[in-house]
Amino acid sequence: MKLNRIAVATALALVFTTPVPVIAAQAKEDHPMTTVSAPSWDDIRAVSPALEKYTKGMLLDELWHRPGLSPRDRSIVTLAVLITRGQTVELPYHVNLALDNGVKPAEISEIVTHLAFYSGWANATGAIAPIKQVFDRRGIGADQLPPASPPLLPLDQAAEDKRAAMVEQNAGPVSPGLVHFTGEALFRDLWLRPGLAPRDRSLVTISSLIASAQVAQITFHLNKAMDNGLTKAEAQEVLTQLAFYAGWPNVFSAVPVVKAVFEARGQQ
């Protein structure tokens, strides 16, 4: 979805001037009704002055300023990482930031649903309480959330047949139930839900895979992401964002796989 110019300007101003998008304690000042348990700047300084320096400098003054990925997309990537890794302390701040950056309540709802399948049910349910705090404070109700069973997007039958054959060949002899739910629950249901655009659903998926070091699945999902509209430049910047939020080793483990996808698509 495109934001109008005023909304874009507002989102950029919030990202680039609001202190500490990675420190949930800042939410106590920006959103005083939000319940969080996180260190203050004074607490951080008392333990690690260098952490304060890098947070204020590299993250705020550089990473979130970089032009290769929109503030909205950076928020989607960051939410995906936090939910995938069960890092709920930071969620209230980042949900507020995501909403300020133009991510819709319905999209956040769908991100949680999507990640139940890709990071595990407990990680998704663990995110419910902190997200509900933010929704309650902002007056976000059921009318702004996607229905449980919406009309689904059209299915690309040719692509689905190819995917199904590959999964049947690889997993069918090992776990017929896995094959069943991969088709019925994921690719013929979850991926067709309209509350999150296919491109954004792919963005959530590859962010979650890298954050959890699931490199074997990256080739399929990065190709799917790029087929769904994610550009090479955006994919490159997703890795940069993920280095800070998912950790350098997880991103470097993904680099050879991402490089191979770029080369196979003729995008060296």
C-alpha atoms as a PDB file:
ATOM      1  CA  MET A   1       0.000   0.000   0.000  1.00  0.00           C
ATOM      2  CA  LYS A   2       1.253   3.485  -0.796  1.00  0.00           C
ATOM      3  CA  LEU A   3       1.218   6.162   1.831  1.00  0.00           C
ATOM      4  CA  ASN A   4       0.399   9.727   0.867  1.00  0.00           C
ATOM      5  CA  ARG A   5       3.176  12.296   1.054  1.00  0.00           C
ATOM      6  CA  ILE A   6       2.130  13.641   4.427  1.00  0.00           C
ATOM      7  CA  ALA A   7       2.049  10.164   5.915  1.00  0.00           C
ATOM      8  CA  VAL A   8       5.447   9.337   4.427  1.00  0.00           C
ATOM      9  CA  ALA A   9       6.954  12.520   5.818  1.00  0.00           C
ATOM     10  CA  THR A  10       5.471  11.802   9.217  1.00  0.00           C
ATOM     11  CA  ALA A  11       6.752   8.232   9.216  1.00  0.00           C
ATOM     12  CA  LEU A  12      10.247   9.309   8.245  1.00  0.00           C
ATOM     13  CA  ALA A  13      10.285  12.004  10.878  1.00  0.00           C
ATOM     14  CA  LEU A  14       9.231   9.518  13.538  1.00  0.00           C
ATOM     15  CA  VAL A  15      11.862   6.991  12.559  1.00  0.00           C
ATOM     16  CA  PHE A  16      14.720   9.411  12.246  1.00  0.00           C
ATOM     17  CA  THR A  17      13.991  11.651  15.223  1.00  0.00           C
ATOM     18  CA  THR A  18      12.428   9.307  17.788  1.00  0.00           C
ATOM     19  CA  PRO A  19      15.150   8.003  20.109  1.00  0.00           C
ATOM     20  CA  VAL A  20      16.057   4.347  20.210  1.00  0.00           C
ATOM     21  CA  PRO A  21      13.822   2.214  18.012  1.00  0.00           C
ATOM     22  CA  VAL A  22      15.665  -0.800  19.444  1.00  0.00           C
ATOM     23  CA  ILE A  23      15.336   0.041  23.137  1.00  0.00           C
ATOM     24  CA  ALA A  24      11.914  -0.795  24.495  1.00  0.00           C
ATOM     25  CA  ALA A  25      12.442   1.348  27.589  1.00  0.00           C
ATOM     26  CA  GLN A  26      12.081   4.415  25.388  1.00  0.00           C
ATOM     27  CA  ALA A  27       8.441   3.405  24.959  1.00  0.00           C
ATOM     28  CA  LYS A  28       7.894   4.421  28.588  1.00  0.00           C
ATOM     29  CA  GLU A  29       8.433   8.017  27.503  1.00  0.00           C
ATOM     30  CA  ASP A  30       6.879   7.894  24.029  1.00  0.00           C
ATOM     31  CA  HIS A  31       3.944   5.659  24.998  1.00  0.00           C
ATOM     32  CA  PRO A  32       3.551   5.940  28.803  1.00  0.00           C
ATOM     33  CA  MET A  33       0.595   3.517  29.044  1.00  0.00           C
ATOM     34  CA  THR A  34       2.645   0.710  27.522  1.00  0.00           C
ATOM     35  CA  THR A  35       3.866  -1.858  30.034  1.00  0.00           C
ATOM     36  CA  VAL A  36       7.442  -2.880  29.303  1.00  0.00           C
ATOM     37  CA  SER A  37      10.367  -4.211  31.261  1.00  0.00           C
ATOM     38  CA  ALA A  38      13.565  -2.947  29.746  1.00  0.00           C
ATOM     39  CA  PRO A  39      16.625  -0.966  30.811  1.00  0.00           C
ATOM     40  CA  SER A  40      16.706   2.802  30.703  1.00  0.00           C
ATOM     41  CA  TRP A  41      19.520   4.700  29.028  1.00  0.00           C
ATOM     42  CA  ASP A  42      21.038   5.223  32.481  1.00  0.00           C
ATOM     43  CA  ASP A  43      20.868   1.478  33.131  1.00  0.00           C
ATOM     44  CA  ILE A  44      22.576   0.701  29.846  1.00  0.00           C
ATOM     45  CA  ARG A  45      25.241   3.326  30.429  1.00  0.00           C
ATOM     46  CA  ALA A  46      25.943   1.875  33.880  1.00  0.00           C
ATOM     47  CA  VAL A  47      26.626  -1.549  32.378  1.00  0.00           C
ATOM     48  CA  SER A  48      27.846  -0.900  28.831  1.00  0.00           C
ATOM     49  CA  PRO A  49      28.608   2.643  27.657  1.00  0.00           C
ATOM     50  CA  ALA A  50      29.698   1.156  24.337  1.00  0.00           C
ATOM     51  CA  LEU A  51      26.263  -0.413  23.802  1.00  0.00           C
ATOM     52  CA  GLU A  52      24.657   2.977  24.291  1.00  0.00           C
ATOM     53  CA  LYS A  53      27.088   4.505  21.801  1.00  0.00           C
ATOM     54  CA  TYR A  54      26.446   1.901  19.118  1.00  0.00           C
ATOM     55  CA  THR A  55      22.686   1.996  19.657  1.00  0.00           C
ATOM     56  CA  LYS A  56      22.430   5.750  19.386  1.00  0.00           C
ATOM     57  CA  GLY A  57      25.025   6.058  16.657  1.00  0.00           C
ATOM     58  CA  MET A  58      25.009   3.136  14.260  1.00  0.00           C
ATOM     59  CA  LEU A  59      21.375   2.103  14.665  1.00  0.00           C
ATOM     60  CA  LEU A  60      19.609   5.432  15.025  1.00  0.00           C
ATOM     61  CA  ASP A  61      21.887   7.706  13.068  1.00  0.00           C
ATOM     62  CA  GLU A  62      22.840   5.296  10.301  1.00  0.00           C
ATOM     63  CA  LEU A  63      20.937   2.012   9.915  1.00  0.00           C
ATOM     64  CA  TRP A  64      17.397   3.415  10.131  1.00  0.00           C
ATOM     65  CA  HIS A  65      18.417   6.282   7.803  1.00  0.00           C
ATOM     66  CA  ARG A  66      19.617   4.073   4.973  1.00  0.00           C
ATOM     67  CA  PRO A  67      17.598   4.573   1.759  1.00  0.00           C
ATOM     68  CA  GLY A  68      17.653   1.018   0.421  1.00  0.00           C
ATOM     69  CA  LEU A  69      14.622  -0.118   2.436  1.00  0.00           C
ATOM     70  CA  SER A  70      11.613   1.943   3.489  1.00  0.00           C
ATOM     71  CA  PRO A  71      10.916   2.590   7.198  1.00  0.00           C
ATOM     72  CA  ARG A  72       7.779   0.470   6.792  1.00  0.00           C
ATOM     73  CA  ASP A  73       9.754  -2.481   5.442  1.00  0.00           C
ATOM     74  CA  ARG A  74      12.397  -2.108   8.158  1.00  0.00           C
ATOM     75  CA  SER A  75       9.629  -2.316  10.734  1.00  0.00           C
ATOM     76  CA  ILE A  76       8.188  -5.452   9.111  1.00  0.00           C
ATOM     77  CA  VAL A  77      11.618  -7.101   9.103  1.00  0.00           C
ATOM     78  CA  THR A  78      12.238  -6.131  12.720  1.00  0.00           C
ATOM     79  CA  LEU A  79       8.837  -7.344  13.935  1.00  0.00           C
ATOM     80  CA  ALA A  80       9.424 -10.661  12.165  1.00  0.00           C
ATOM     81  CA  VAL A  81      12.749 -11.094  13.947  1.00  0.00           C
ATOM     82  CA  LEU A  82      11.428 -10.186  17.393  1.00  0.00           C
ATOM     83  CA  ILE A  83       8.460 -12.563  17.125  1.00  0.00           C
ATOM     84  CA  THR A  84      10.549 -15.362  15.626  1.00  0.00           C
ATOM     85  CA  ARG A  85      13.093 -15.121  18.434  1.00  0.00           C
ATOM     86  CA  GLY A  86      10.551 -14.624  21.210  1.00  0.00           C
ATOM     87  CA  GLN A  87      12.011 -11.213  22.112  1.00  0.00           C
ATOM     88  CA  THR A  88       8.797  -9.740  23.450  1.00  0.00           C
ATOM     89  CA  VAL A  89      10.344  -6.992  25.614  1.00  0.00           C
ATOM     90  CA  GLU A  90      11.003  -4.937  22.490  1.00  0.00           C
ATOM     91  CA  LEU A  91       7.633  -5.636  20.864  1.00  0.00           C
ATOM     92  CA  PRO A  92       5.522  -2.784  22.320  1.00  0.00           C
ATOM     93  CA  TYR A  93       7.957  -0.177  21.074  1.00  0.00           C
ATOM     94  CA  HIS A  94       8.370  -1.749  17.659  1.00  0.00           C
ATOM     95  CA  VAL A  95       4.650  -2.325  17.158  1.00  0.00           C
ATOM     96  CA  ASN A  96       4.070   1.365  17.871  1.00  0.00           C
ATOM     97  CA  LEU A  97       6.896   2.252  15.507  1.00  0.00           C
ATOM     98  CA  ALA A  98       5.532  -0.041  12.803  1.00  0.00           C
ATOM     99  CA  LEU A  99       2.089   1.564  13.048  1.00  0.00           C
ATOM    100  CA  ASP A 100       3.692   5.000  12.874  1.00  0.00           C
ATOM    101  CA  ASN A 101       5.653   3.837   9.818  1.00  0.00           C
ATOM    102  CA  GLY A 102       2.497   2.826   7.958  1.00  0.00           C
ATOM    103  CA  VAL A 103       2.143  -0.864   8.780  1.00  0.00           C
ATOM    104  CA  LYS A 104      -1.593  -1.469   9.209  1.00  0.00           C
ATOM    105  CA  PRO A 105      -3.097  -3.233  12.246  1.00  0.00           C
ATOM    106  CA  ALA A 106      -4.435  -5.903   9.872  1.00  0.00           C
ATOM    107  CA  GLU A 107      -0.920  -6.467   8.542  1.00  0.00           C
ATOM    108  CA  ILE A 108       0.523  -6.849  12.045  1.00  0.00           C
ATOM    109  CA  SER A 109      -2.253  -9.331  12.808  1.00  0.00           C
ATOM    110  CA  GLU A 110      -1.362 -11.317   9.691  1.00  0.00           C
ATOM    111  CA  ILE A 111       2.358 -11.220  10.540  1.00  0.00           C
ATOM    112  CA  VAL A 112       1.574 -12.903  13.856  1.00  0.00           C
ATOM    113  CA  THR A 113      -0.577 -15.534  12.127  1.00  0.00           C
ATOM    114  CA  HIS A 114       2.050 -16.169   9.460  1.00  0.00           C
ATOM    115  CA  LEU A 115       4.832 -16.588  11.991  1.00  0.00           C
ATOM    116  CA  ALA A 116       2.866 -19.170  13.950  1.00  0.00           C
ATOM    117  CA  PHE A 117       3.608 -21.493  11.035  1.00  0.00           C
ATOM    118  CA  TYR A 118       7.147 -20.315  10.290  1.00  0.00           C
ATOM    119  CA  SER A 119       8.570 -19.752  13.789  1.00  0.00           C
ATOM    120  CA  GLY A 120       6.278 -21.949  15.886  1.00  0.00           C
ATOM    121  CA  TRP A 121       2.959 -21.473  17.656  1.00  0.00           C
ATOM    122  CA  ALA A 122       4.474 -20.519  21.012  1.00  0.00           C
ATOM    123  CA  ASN A 123       6.421 -17.639  19.495  1.00  0.00           C
ATOM    124  CA  ALA A 124       3.231 -16.300  17.921  1.00  0.00           C
ATOM    125  CA  THR A 125       1.127 -16.671  21.055  1.00  0.00           C
ATOM    126  CA  GLY A 126       3.952 -15.169  23.098  1.00  0.00           C
ATOM    127  CA  ALA A 127       3.622 -12.002  21.018  1.00  0.00           C
ATOM    128  CA  ILE A 128      -0.114 -11.604  21.656  1.00  0.00           C
ATOM    129  CA  ALA A 129      -0.009  -9.855  25.050  1.00  0.00           C
ATOM    130  CA  PRO A 130       2.520  -7.117  24.172  1.00  0.00           C
ATOM    131  CA  ILE A 131       0.825  -6.430  20.836  1.00  0.00           C
ATOM    132  CA  LYS A 132      -2.589  -6.306  22.496  1.00  0.00           C
ATOM    133  CA  GLN A 133      -1.257  -3.645  24.909  1.00  0.00           C
ATOM    134  CA  VAL A 134      -0.475  -1.418  21.951  1.00  0.00           C
ATOM    135  CA  PHE A 135      -3.735  -2.161  20.139  1.00  0.00           C
ATOM    136  CA  ASP A 136      -5.740  -1.416  23.295  1.00  0.00           C
ATOM    137  CA  ARG A 137      -4.000   1.890  23.892  1.00  0.00           C
ATOM    138  CA  ARG A 138      -4.495   2.975  20.284  1.00  0.00           C
ATOM    139  CA  GLY A 139      -8.131   1.895  20.206  1.00  0.00           C
ATOM    140  CA  ILE A 140      -7.503  -0.732  17.552  1.00  0.00           C
ATOM    141  CA  GLY A 141     -10.434  -3.125  17.525  1.00  0.00           C
ATOM    142  CA  ALA A 142     -11.815  -6.053  15.579  1.00  0.00           C
ATOM    143  CA  ASP A 143     -13.038  -3.768  12.799  1.00  0.00           C
ATOM    144  CA  GLN A 144      -9.392  -3.061  11.857  1.00  0.00           C
ATOM    145  CA  LEU A 145      -8.312  -6.707  11.876  1.00  0.00           C
ATOM    146  CA  PRO A 146      -8.669  -9.319   9.137  1.00  0.00           C
ATOM    147  CA  PRO A 147     -11.478 -11.860   9.536  1.00  0.00           C
ATOM    148  CA  ALA A 148     -10.608 -15.396  10.518  1.00  0.00           C
ATOM    149  CA  SER A 149     -11.788 -16.780   7.176  1.00  0.00           C
ATOM    150  CA  PRO A 150     -11.612 -14.141   4.421  1.00  0.00           C
ATOM    151  CA  PRO A 151     -12.079 -14.757   0.696  1.00  0.00           C
ATOM    152  CA  LEU A 152      -8.686 -15.967  -0.493  1.00  0.00           C
ATOM    153  CA  LEU A 153      -6.482 -14.593  -3.258  1.00  0.00           C
ATOM    154  CA  PRO A 154      -6.412 -16.513  -6.554  1.00  0.00           C
ATOM    155  CA  LEU A 155      -4.140 -19.559  -6.598  1.00  0.00           C
ATOM    156  CA  ASP A 156      -1.379 -19.799  -9.215  1.00  0.00           C
ATOM    157  CA  GLN A 157      -2.178 -23.396 -10.075  1.00  0.00           C
ATOM    158  CA  ALA A 158       0.915 -24.022 -12.207  1.00  0.00           C
ATOM    159  CA  ALA A 159       3.269 -22.785  -9.493  1.00  0.00           C
ATOM    160  CA  GLU A 160       1.342 -24.717  -6.851  1.00  0.00           C
ATOM    161  CA  ASP A 161       1.499 -27.938  -8.868  1.00  0.00           C
ATOM    162  CA  LYS A 162       5.276 -27.547  -9.208  1.00  0.00           C
ATOM    163  CA  ARG A 163       5.696 -26.849  -5.487  1.00  0.00           C
ATOM    164  CA  ALA A 164       3.434 -29.728  -4.490  1.00  0.00           C
ATOM    165  CA  ALA A 165       5.336 -32.188  -6.685  1.00  0.00           C
ATOM    166  CA  MET A 166       8.664 -31.102  -5.199  1.00  0.00           C
ATOM    167  CA  VAL A 167       7.384 -31.430  -1.624  1.00  0.00           C
ATOM    168  CA  GLU A 168       5.800 -34.812  -2.346  1.00  0.00           C
ATOM    169  CA  GLN A 169       9.049 -36.106  -3.807  1.00  0.00           C
ATOM    170  CA  ASN A 170      11.199 -34.844  -0.929  1.00  0.00           C
ATOM    171  CA  ALA A 171       8.930 -35.254   2.083  1.00  0.00           C
ATOM    172  CA  GLY A 172       6.176 -37.652   1.037  1.00  0.00           C
ATOM    173  CA  PRO A 173       8.050 -40.859   1.919  1.00  0.00           C
ATOM    174  CA  VAL A 174       9.084 -39.348   5.262  1.00  0.00           C
ATOM    175  CA  SER A 175       5.951 -37.595   6.537  1.00  0.00           C
ATOM    176  CA  PRO A 176       2.677 -37.663   4.583  1.00  0.00           C
ATOM    177  CA  GLY A 177       1.092 -35.474   7.257  1.00  0.00           C
ATOM    178  CA  LEU A 178       3.724 -32.792   6.704  1.00  0.00           C
ATOM    179  CA  VAL A 179       2.982 -32.854   2.978  1.00  0.00           C
ATOM    180  CA  HIS A 180      -0.747 -32.565   3.683  1.00  0.00           C
ATOM    181  CA  PHE A 181      -0.512 -29.541   5.966  1.00  0.00           C
ATOM    182  CA  THR A 182       2.164 -27.844   3.835  1.00  0.00           C
ATOM    183  CA  GLY A 183      -0.319 -27.794   0.992  1.00  0.00           C
ATOM    184  CA  GLU A 184      -3.652 -27.364   2.737  1.00  0.00           C
ATOM    185  CA  ALA A 185      -2.644 -25.047   5.571  1.00  0.00           C
ATOM    186  CA  LEU A 186       0.243 -23.056   4.108  1.00  0.00           C
ATOM    187  CA  PHE A 187       0.182 -22.718   0.350  1.00  0.00           C
ATOM    188  CA  ARG A 188      -3.524 -23.144  -0.324  1.00  0.00           C
ATOM    189  CA  ASP A 189      -4.658 -21.121   2.676  1.00  0.00           C
ATOM    190  CA  LEU A 190      -2.157 -19.035   4.681  1.00  0.00           C
ATOM    191  CA  TRP A 191      -0.277 -17.677   1.660  1.00  0.00           C
ATOM    192  CA  LEU A 192      -3.554 -16.720  -0.018  1.00  0.00           C
ATOM    193  CA  ARG A 193      -4.895 -14.628   2.858  1.00  0.00           C
ATOM    194  CA  PRO A 194      -5.345 -11.055   1.560  1.00  0.00           C
ATOM    195  CA  GLY A 195      -4.490  -9.197   4.777  1.00  0.00           C
ATOM    196  CA  LEU A 196      -0.786  -9.174   3.918  1.00  0.00           C
ATOM    197  CA  ALA A 197       0.443  -8.649   0.364  1.00  0.00           C
ATOM    198  CA  PRO A 198       2.374 -11.623  -1.093  1.00  0.00           C
ATOM    199  CA  ARG A 199       5.529  -9.505  -1.302  1.00  0.00           C
ATOM    200  CA  ASP A 200       5.271  -8.551   2.384  1.00  0.00           C
ATOM    201  CA  ARG A 201       4.437 -12.125   3.383  1.00  0.00           C
ATOM    202  CA  SER A 202       7.627 -13.197   1.643  1.00  0.00           C
ATOM    203  CA  LEU A 203       9.552 -10.420   3.409  1.00  0.00           C
ATOM    204  CA  VAL A 204       8.322 -11.744   6.766  1.00  0.00           C
ATOM    205  CA  THR A 205       9.233 -15.303   5.806  1.00  0.00           C
ATOM    206  CA  ILE A 206      12.804 -14.691   4.680  1.00  0.00           C
ATOM    207  CA  SER A 207      13.413 -12.465   7.728  1.00  0.00           C
ATOM    208  CA  SER A 208      12.187 -15.254   9.998  1.00  0.00           C
ATOM    209  CA  LEU A 209      14.241 -17.904   8.206  1.00  0.00           C
ATOM    210  CA  ILE A 210      17.461 -15.916   8.494  1.00  0.00           C
ATOM    211  CA  ALA A 211      16.736 -14.953  12.108  1.00  0.00           C
ATOM    212  CA  SER A 212      16.372 -18.638  12.988  1.00  0.00           C
ATOM    213  CA  ALA A 213      19.307 -19.801  10.817  1.00  0.00           C
ATOM    214  CA  GLN A 214      17.070 -21.898   8.547  1.00  0.00           C
ATOM    215  CA  VAL A 215      19.284 -21.450   5.493  1.00  0.00           C
ATOM    216  CA  ALA A 216      18.014 -24.563   3.694  1.00  0.00           C
ATOM    217  CA  GLN A 217      14.674 -22.865   3.048  1.00  0.00           C
ATOM    218  CA  ILE A 218      16.053 -19.521   1.876  1.00  0.00           C
ATOM    219  CA  THR A 219      16.498 -20.412  -1.813  1.00  0.00           C
ATOM    220  CA  PHE A 220      12.823 -21.220  -2.356  1.00  0.00           C
ATOM    221  CA  HIS A 221      11.521 -18.305  -0.321  1.00  0.00           C
ATOM    222  CA  LEU A 222      13.917 -15.656  -1.635  1.00  0.00           C
ATOM    223  CA  ASN A 223      12.991 -16.617  -5.191  1.00  0.00           C
ATOM    224  CA  LYS A 224       9.331 -16.431  -4.181  1.00  0.00           C
ATOM    225  CA  ALA A 225       9.939 -13.033  -2.567  1.00  0.00           C
ATOM    226  CA  MET A 226      11.563 -11.668  -5.715  1.00  0.00           C
ATOM    227  CA  ASP A 227       8.807 -13.161  -7.869  1.00  0.00           C
ATOM    228  CA  ASN A 228       6.396 -11.316  -5.565  1.00  0.00           C
ATOM    229  CA  GLY A 229       8.135  -7.976  -6.127  1.00  0.00           C
ATOM    230  CA  LEU A 230      11.042  -7.741  -3.683  1.00  0.00           C
ATOM    231  CA  THR A 231      13.956  -6.155  -5.537  1.00  0.00           C
ATOM    232  CA  LYS A 232      17.597  -7.174  -5.326  1.00  0.00           C
ATOM    233  CA  ALA A 233      18.463  -3.836  -3.703  1.00  0.00           C
ATOM    234  CA  GLU A 234      15.763  -4.366  -1.077  1.00  0.00           C
ATOM    235  CA  ALA A 235      16.918  -7.931  -0.419  1.00  0.00           C
ATOM    236  CA  GLN A 236      20.453  -6.658   0.061  1.00  0.00           C
ATOM    237  CA  GLU A 237      19.275  -4.106   2.601  1.00  0.00           C
ATOM    238  CA  VAL A 238      17.151  -6.701   4.408  1.00  0.00           C
ATOM    239  CA  LEU A 239      20.418  -8.512   5.156  1.00  0.00           C
ATOM    240  CA  THR A 240      21.894  -5.296   6.524  1.00  0.00           C
ATOM    241  CA  GLN A 241      18.906  -4.734   8.817  1.00  0.00           C
ATOM    242  CA  LEU A 242      18.974  -8.363   9.934  1.00  0.00           C
ATOM    243  CA  ALA A 243      22.649  -8.212  10.890  1.00  0.00           C
ATOM    244  CA  PHE A 244      21.747  -5.886  13.770  1.00  0.00           C
ATOM    245  CA  TYR A 245      18.495  -7.566  14.800  1.00  0.00           C
ATOM    246  CA  ALA A 246      19.232 -11.256  14.147  1.00  0.00           C
ATOM    247  CA  GLY A 247      23.004 -11.189  14.569  1.00  0.00           C
ATOM    248  CA  TRP A 248      25.960 -11.184  12.205  1.00  0.00           C
ATOM    249  CA  PRO A 249      26.521 -14.993  12.175  1.00  0.00           C
ATOM    250  CA  ASN A 250      22.957 -15.715  11.057  1.00  0.00           C
ATOM    251  CA  VAL A 251      23.257 -13.231   8.212  1.00  0.00           C
ATOM    252  CA  PHE A 252      26.689 -14.398   7.070  1.00  0.00           C
ATOM    253  CA  SER A 253      25.367 -17.969   7.060  1.00  0.00           C
ATOM    254  CA  ALA A 254      22.664 -16.792   4.657  1.00  0.00           C
ATOM    255  CA  VAL A 255      24.994 -14.837   2.348  1.00  0.00           C
ATOM    256  CA  PRO A 256      26.149 -17.757   0.131  1.00  0.00           C
ATOM    257  CA  VAL A 257      22.550 -18.867  -0.410  1.00  0.00           C
ATOM    258  CA  VAL A 258      21.378 -15.347  -1.227  1.00  0.00           C
ATOM    259  CA  LYS A 259      24.347 -14.875  -3.567  1.00  0.00           C
ATOM    260  CA  ALA A 260      23.472 -18.084  -5.403  1.00  0.00           C
ATOM    261  CA  VAL A 261      19.880 -16.910  -5.872  1.00  0.00           C
ATOM    262  CA  PHE A 262      21.039 -13.572  -7.275  1.00  0.00           C
ATOM    263  CA  GLU A 263      23.409 -15.309  -9.686  1.00  0.00           C
ATOM    264  CA  ALA A 264      20.810 -17.829 -10.824  1.00  0.00           C
ATOM    265  CA  ARG A 265      18.425 -14.973 -11.584  1.00  0.00           C
ATOM    266  CA  GLY A 266      21.132 -13.130 -13.532  1.00  0.00           C
ATOM    267  CA  GLN A 267      21.400 -10.385 -10.907  1.00  0.00           C
ATOM    268  CA  GLN A 268      25.079 -10.498  -9.972  1.00  0.00           C
END
